[in-house]
Amino acid sequence: MERIYYAGDRFLTGTEVARALVEYAAALARQGSAAAIEIPVRHTDGTLGVVNFLVGPASQLVTESLDGDAGEEIVDEPLVARLRALTADLAPMHPVARPSAVEPEGTSGYDWTDEV
């Protein structure tokens, strides 16, 4: 479990959920953008709920790992996958050069060293 500190409050959620949220917030900050994301949380009385976080460049979002009796780990694999996909979409593009399968125009495959 992770405790998220945000806007003067704190929330318990799953470790993977918290980490994916922080990574997404960092990616948004790099882009100078913001988004609202709902994540599952465990309230102090043990009930489950949902909190809507506004994350972006000005977000002051901190997480803390909890050991012990924080309750059963909150798992939301579809949310984590969506946050990771959104984070990947915000990653800078890096061109990758691949060798061409086609010879450039004007080359015949002739070995010019045979003339020497």
N, C-alpha and C. Protein backbone atom coordinates (compact mmCIF):
# COMPACT_ATOMS: atom_id res chain seq x y z
N MET A 1 0.85 -1.18 0.00
CA MET A 1 0.00 0.00 0.00
C MET A 1 0.89 1.24 0.00
N GLU A 2 0.33 2.30 -0.52
CA GLU A 2 1.01 3.60 -0.55
C GLU A 2 0.07 4.66 -0.02
N ARG A 3 0.64 5.60 0.68
CA ARG A 3 -0.12 6.77 1.11
C ARG A 3 0.28 7.91 0.19
N ILE A 4 -0.73 8.57 -0.38
CA ILE A 4 -0.50 9.72 -1.24
C ILE A 4 -0.84 10.97 -0.46
N TYR A 5 0.10 11.91 -0.44
CA TYR A 5 -0.14 13.22 0.16
C TYR A 5 -0.41 14.19 -0.99
N TYR A 6 -1.57 14.85 -0.89
CA TYR A 6 -1.98 15.72 -1.99
C TYR A 6 -2.93 16.78 -1.44
N ALA A 7 -2.66 18.03 -1.75
CA ALA A 7 -3.54 19.16 -1.40
C ALA A 7 -3.90 19.17 0.09
N GLY A 8 -2.92 18.91 0.93
CA GLY A 8 -3.13 18.97 2.36
C GLY A 8 -3.87 17.78 2.94
N ASP A 9 -4.11 16.75 2.16
CA ASP A 9 -4.80 15.56 2.64
C ASP A 9 -3.94 14.34 2.33
N ARG A 10 -4.38 13.18 2.76
CA ARG A 10 -3.66 11.95 2.47
C ARG A 10 -4.65 10.84 2.15
N PHE A 11 -4.20 9.95 1.26
CA PHE A 11 -5.08 8.90 0.75
C PHE A 11 -4.30 7.60 0.64
N LEU A 12 -4.95 6.48 0.97
CA LEU A 12 -4.34 5.16 0.83
C LEU A 12 -4.80 4.55 -0.49
N THR A 13 -3.85 3.99 -1.22
CA THR A 13 -4.17 3.28 -2.45
C THR A 13 -3.13 2.20 -2.67
N GLY A 14 -3.29 1.46 -3.74
CA GLY A 14 -2.35 0.39 -4.06
C GLY A 14 -1.00 0.93 -4.52
N THR A 15 0.01 0.15 -4.31
CA THR A 15 1.38 0.55 -4.66
C THR A 15 1.50 0.85 -6.15
N GLU A 16 1.03 -0.06 -7.01
CA GLU A 16 1.14 0.14 -8.45
C GLU A 16 0.30 1.33 -8.92
N VAL A 17 -0.86 1.53 -8.31
CA VAL A 17 -1.71 2.67 -8.66
C VAL A 17 -0.98 3.97 -8.34
N ALA A 18 -0.42 4.06 -7.15
CA ALA A 18 0.28 5.28 -6.72
C ALA A 18 1.49 5.57 -7.61
N ARG A 19 2.25 4.55 -7.91
CA ARG A 19 3.44 4.75 -8.74
C ARG A 19 3.08 5.18 -10.16
N ALA A 20 2.03 4.57 -10.72
CA ALA A 20 1.60 4.95 -12.06
C ALA A 20 1.06 6.38 -12.07
N LEU A 21 0.38 6.78 -11.00
CA LEU A 21 -0.14 8.14 -10.90
C LEU A 21 1.00 9.16 -10.85
N VAL A 22 2.02 8.89 -10.06
CA VAL A 22 3.16 9.80 -9.95
C VAL A 22 3.90 9.90 -11.29
N GLU A 23 4.09 8.78 -11.97
CA GLU A 23 4.77 8.80 -13.27
C GLU A 23 3.96 9.61 -14.29
N TYR A 24 2.65 9.46 -14.26
CA TYR A 24 1.80 10.21 -15.17
C TYR A 24 1.84 11.70 -14.84
N ALA A 25 1.81 12.04 -13.56
CA ALA A 25 1.89 13.45 -13.15
C ALA A 25 3.21 14.06 -13.61
N ALA A 26 4.30 13.32 -13.50
CA ALA A 26 5.61 13.82 -13.95
C ALA A 26 5.61 14.04 -15.46
N ALA A 27 5.02 13.11 -16.21
CA ALA A 27 4.97 13.25 -17.67
C ALA A 27 4.13 14.46 -18.06
N LEU A 28 3.01 14.66 -17.38
CA LEU A 28 2.18 15.83 -17.66
C LEU A 28 2.95 17.12 -17.35
N ALA A 29 3.67 17.13 -16.25
CA ALA A 29 4.44 18.32 -15.86
C ALA A 29 5.48 18.66 -16.92
N ARG A 30 6.15 17.64 -17.46
CA ARG A 30 7.15 17.88 -18.51
C ARG A 30 6.52 18.51 -19.75
N GLN A 31 5.26 18.19 -20.00
CA GLN A 31 4.55 18.73 -21.16
C GLN A 31 3.85 20.04 -20.86
N GLY A 32 3.84 20.45 -19.59
CA GLY A 32 3.13 21.67 -19.21
C GLY A 32 1.63 21.50 -19.31
N SER A 33 1.15 20.29 -19.04
CA SER A 33 -0.26 19.97 -19.19
C SER A 33 -0.81 19.43 -17.87
N ALA A 34 -2.11 19.24 -17.81
CA ALA A 34 -2.76 18.72 -16.62
C ALA A 34 -3.88 17.78 -17.01
N ALA A 35 -4.30 16.94 -16.07
CA ALA A 35 -5.41 16.01 -16.31
C ALA A 35 -6.03 15.65 -14.97
N ALA A 36 -7.28 15.24 -15.02
CA ALA A 36 -7.98 14.73 -13.84
C ALA A 36 -8.02 13.21 -13.94
N ILE A 37 -7.66 12.54 -12.85
CA ILE A 37 -7.62 11.09 -12.82
C ILE A 37 -8.31 10.60 -11.56
N GLU A 38 -9.21 9.66 -11.71
CA GLU A 38 -9.87 9.03 -10.56
C GLU A 38 -9.10 7.78 -10.18
N ILE A 39 -8.79 7.65 -8.88
CA ILE A 39 -8.12 6.44 -8.42
C ILE A 39 -8.87 5.88 -7.21
N PRO A 40 -8.80 4.56 -7.04
CA PRO A 40 -9.43 3.94 -5.89
C PRO A 40 -8.61 4.19 -4.63
N VAL A 41 -9.30 4.44 -3.51
CA VAL A 41 -8.63 4.69 -2.24
C VAL A 41 -9.35 3.93 -1.12
N ARG A 42 -8.64 3.74 -0.03
CA ARG A 42 -9.24 3.17 1.18
C ARG A 42 -9.35 4.28 2.21
N HIS A 43 -10.57 4.51 2.67
CA HIS A 43 -10.81 5.53 3.69
C HIS A 43 -10.35 5.03 5.05
N THR A 44 -10.27 5.94 6.01
CA THR A 44 -9.79 5.58 7.35
C THR A 44 -10.69 4.56 8.03
N ASP A 45 -11.97 4.50 7.65
CA ASP A 45 -12.87 3.50 8.25
C ASP A 45 -12.79 2.15 7.54
N GLY A 46 -11.89 2.03 6.54
CA GLY A 46 -11.69 0.77 5.83
C GLY A 46 -12.52 0.60 4.58
N THR A 47 -13.46 1.49 4.34
CA THR A 47 -14.28 1.38 3.14
C THR A 47 -13.49 1.87 1.92
N LEU A 48 -13.90 1.37 0.75
CA LEU A 48 -13.25 1.78 -0.49
C LEU A 48 -14.02 2.94 -1.11
N GLY A 49 -13.29 3.80 -1.78
CA GLY A 49 -13.90 4.94 -2.46
C GLY A 49 -13.05 5.33 -3.65
N VAL A 50 -13.40 6.44 -4.25
CA VAL A 50 -12.68 6.95 -5.40
C VAL A 50 -12.38 8.42 -5.15
N VAL A 51 -11.16 8.84 -5.48
CA VAL A 51 -10.76 10.24 -5.35
C VAL A 51 -10.32 10.73 -6.72
N ASN A 52 -10.72 11.93 -7.06
CA ASN A 52 -10.35 12.54 -8.33
C ASN A 52 -9.19 13.49 -8.10
N PHE A 53 -8.05 13.19 -8.70
CA PHE A 53 -6.84 14.00 -8.56
C PHE A 53 -6.67 14.86 -9.80
N LEU A 54 -6.35 16.13 -9.62
CA LEU A 54 -5.95 17.00 -10.71
C LEU A 54 -4.43 17.03 -10.67
N VAL A 55 -3.79 16.47 -11.69
CA VAL A 55 -2.33 16.38 -11.72
C VAL A 55 -1.78 17.14 -12.91
N GLY A 56 -0.62 17.73 -12.72
CA GLY A 56 0.03 18.49 -13.77
C GLY A 56 1.24 19.21 -13.24
N PRO A 57 1.64 20.30 -13.89
CA PRO A 57 2.87 21.00 -13.55
C PRO A 57 2.93 21.52 -12.11
N ALA A 58 1.81 21.92 -11.56
CA ALA A 58 1.81 22.50 -10.21
C ALA A 58 1.48 21.48 -9.13
N SER A 59 1.30 20.22 -9.50
CA SER A 59 0.93 19.19 -8.52
C SER A 59 2.06 18.95 -7.53
N GLN A 60 1.70 18.97 -6.29
CA GLN A 60 2.64 18.59 -5.24
C GLN A 60 2.13 17.27 -4.69
N LEU A 61 2.60 16.20 -5.31
CA LEU A 61 2.13 14.86 -5.06
C LEU A 61 3.28 14.06 -4.48
N VAL A 62 3.07 13.47 -3.30
CA VAL A 62 4.10 12.69 -2.64
C VAL A 62 3.49 11.36 -2.23
N THR A 63 4.25 10.28 -2.39
CA THR A 63 3.78 8.98 -1.94
C THR A 63 4.74 8.41 -0.91
N GLU A 64 4.18 7.55 -0.07
CA GLU A 64 4.95 6.91 0.99
C GLU A 64 4.54 5.45 1.06
N SER A 65 5.51 4.55 1.05
CA SER A 65 5.22 3.12 1.17
C SER A 65 4.82 2.80 2.60
N LEU A 66 3.81 1.95 2.73
CA LEU A 66 3.34 1.54 4.05
C LEU A 66 3.51 0.04 4.22
N ASP A 67 3.99 -0.35 5.36
CA ASP A 67 4.09 -1.76 5.71
C ASP A 67 3.14 -2.02 6.87
N GLY A 68 2.77 -3.27 7.03
CA GLY A 68 1.97 -3.61 8.19
C GLY A 68 0.48 -3.66 7.91
N ASP A 69 -0.29 -3.11 8.83
CA ASP A 69 -1.74 -3.27 8.80
C ASP A 69 -2.46 -2.13 8.08
N ALA A 70 -1.98 -1.77 6.91
CA ALA A 70 -2.63 -0.72 6.12
C ALA A 70 -3.86 -1.27 5.40
N GLY A 71 -4.06 -2.58 5.50
CA GLY A 71 -5.20 -3.20 4.84
C GLY A 71 -4.76 -3.93 3.60
N GLU A 72 -5.74 -4.56 2.96
CA GLU A 72 -5.47 -5.33 1.75
C GLU A 72 -5.09 -4.39 0.61
N GLU A 73 -4.09 -4.80 -0.15
CA GLU A 73 -3.59 -4.01 -1.28
C GLU A 73 -4.72 -3.73 -2.27
N ILE A 74 -4.83 -2.47 -2.68
CA ILE A 74 -5.80 -2.10 -3.71
C ILE A 74 -5.16 -2.36 -5.06
N VAL A 75 -5.82 -3.13 -5.88
CA VAL A 75 -5.30 -3.49 -7.20
C VAL A 75 -6.33 -3.04 -8.25
N ASP A 76 -5.85 -2.30 -9.24
CA ASP A 76 -6.71 -1.88 -10.35
C ASP A 76 -5.85 -1.93 -11.61
N GLU A 77 -5.68 -3.13 -12.15
CA GLU A 77 -4.80 -3.33 -13.30
C GLU A 77 -5.22 -2.53 -14.53
N PRO A 78 -6.52 -2.42 -14.84
CA PRO A 78 -6.89 -1.60 -16.00
C PRO A 78 -6.51 -0.13 -15.83
N LEU A 79 -6.66 0.41 -14.63
CA LEU A 79 -6.27 1.79 -14.37
C LEU A 79 -4.77 1.97 -14.51
N VAL A 80 -4.00 1.06 -13.93
CA VAL A 80 -2.54 1.14 -14.03
C VAL A 80 -2.10 1.06 -15.49
N ALA A 81 -2.70 0.16 -16.25
CA ALA A 81 -2.36 0.04 -17.68
C ALA A 81 -2.72 1.33 -18.42
N ARG A 82 -3.86 1.92 -18.11
CA ARG A 82 -4.27 3.16 -18.78
C ARG A 82 -3.32 4.30 -18.42
N LEU A 83 -2.94 4.41 -17.14
CA LEU A 83 -2.01 5.47 -16.73
C LEU A 83 -0.66 5.29 -17.40
N ARG A 84 -0.20 4.06 -17.50
CA ARG A 84 1.09 3.81 -18.17
C ARG A 84 1.02 4.13 -19.65
N ALA A 85 -0.11 3.82 -20.28
CA ALA A 85 -0.28 4.15 -21.70
C ALA A 85 -0.33 5.66 -21.90
N LEU A 86 -1.04 6.36 -21.03
CA LEU A 86 -1.10 7.83 -21.12
C LEU A 86 0.29 8.44 -20.91
N THR A 87 1.04 7.86 -19.98
CA THR A 87 2.41 8.33 -19.72
C THR A 87 3.28 8.10 -20.95
N ALA A 88 3.17 6.93 -21.56
CA ALA A 88 3.96 6.62 -22.75
C ALA A 88 3.60 7.56 -23.90
N ASP A 89 2.32 7.91 -24.01
CA ASP A 89 1.90 8.83 -25.07
C ASP A 89 2.54 10.21 -24.92
N LEU A 90 2.91 10.57 -23.70
CA LEU A 90 3.51 11.88 -23.45
C LEU A 90 5.03 11.87 -23.55
N ALA A 91 5.61 10.70 -23.74
CA ALA A 91 7.07 10.59 -23.82
C ALA A 91 7.57 11.28 -25.08
N PRO A 92 8.76 11.89 -25.00
CA PRO A 92 9.32 12.53 -26.19
C PRO A 92 9.59 11.49 -27.28
N MET A 93 9.42 11.93 -28.51
CA MET A 93 9.65 11.04 -29.64
C MET A 93 11.14 10.99 -29.95
N HIS A 94 11.66 9.80 -30.19
CA HIS A 94 13.05 9.60 -30.57
C HIS A 94 13.07 8.80 -31.87
N PRO A 95 13.50 9.43 -32.96
CA PRO A 95 13.53 8.69 -34.22
C PRO A 95 14.52 7.54 -34.15
N VAL A 96 14.17 6.46 -34.80
CA VAL A 96 15.02 5.28 -34.84
C VAL A 96 15.36 5.00 -36.29
N ALA A 97 16.66 4.96 -36.59
CA ALA A 97 17.10 4.67 -37.95
C ALA A 97 17.12 3.17 -38.16
N ARG A 98 16.54 2.75 -39.27
CA ARG A 98 16.54 1.33 -39.61
C ARG A 98 17.20 1.17 -40.98
N PRO A 99 17.96 0.13 -41.17
CA PRO A 99 18.56 -0.08 -42.49
C PRO A 99 17.47 -0.31 -43.53
N SER A 100 17.69 0.24 -44.69
CA SER A 100 16.72 0.12 -45.76
C SER A 100 16.84 -1.24 -46.42
N ALA A 101 15.72 -1.84 -46.74
CA ALA A 101 15.72 -3.13 -47.44
C ALA A 101 15.89 -2.91 -48.94
N VAL A 102 15.69 -1.68 -49.39
CA VAL A 102 15.78 -1.35 -50.81
C VAL A 102 17.05 -0.55 -51.04
N GLU A 103 17.78 -0.90 -52.11
CA GLU A 103 18.99 -0.14 -52.43
C GLU A 103 18.62 1.25 -52.88
N PRO A 104 19.39 2.25 -52.46
CA PRO A 104 19.10 3.61 -52.94
C PRO A 104 19.15 3.66 -54.45
N GLU A 105 18.36 4.55 -55.04
CA GLU A 105 18.29 4.68 -56.49
C GLU A 105 19.66 5.06 -57.05
N GLY A 106 20.03 4.46 -58.13
CA GLY A 106 21.30 4.77 -58.77
C GLY A 106 22.42 3.83 -58.37
N THR A 107 22.20 2.94 -57.45
CA THR A 107 23.25 1.97 -57.11
C THR A 107 22.91 0.66 -57.80
N SER A 108 23.92 0.03 -58.29
CA SER A 108 23.68 -1.21 -59.05
C SER A 108 24.25 -2.42 -58.35
N GLY A 109 24.88 -2.20 -57.22
CA GLY A 109 25.51 -3.32 -56.56
C GLY A 109 26.88 -3.63 -57.16
N TYR A 110 27.34 -2.78 -58.10
CA TYR A 110 28.62 -2.96 -58.77
C TYR A 110 29.74 -2.63 -57.80
N ASP A 111 30.73 -3.45 -57.75
CA ASP A 111 31.88 -3.22 -56.89
C ASP A 111 32.90 -2.42 -57.69
N TRP A 112 33.02 -1.13 -57.42
CA TRP A 112 33.90 -0.23 -58.14
C TRP A 112 35.37 -0.53 -57.89
N THR A 113 35.71 -1.31 -56.90
CA THR A 113 37.11 -1.66 -56.65
C THR A 113 37.63 -2.62 -57.69
N ASP A 114 36.74 -3.27 -58.49
CA ASP A 114 37.20 -4.18 -59.54
C ASP A 114 37.95 -3.43 -60.64
N GLU A 115 37.69 -2.13 -60.80
CA GLU A 115 38.32 -1.35 -61.85
C GLU A 115 39.75 -0.99 -61.52
N VAL A 116 40.14 -1.07 -60.28
CA VAL A 116 41.46 -0.62 -59.88
C VAL A 116 42.53 -1.64 -60.14
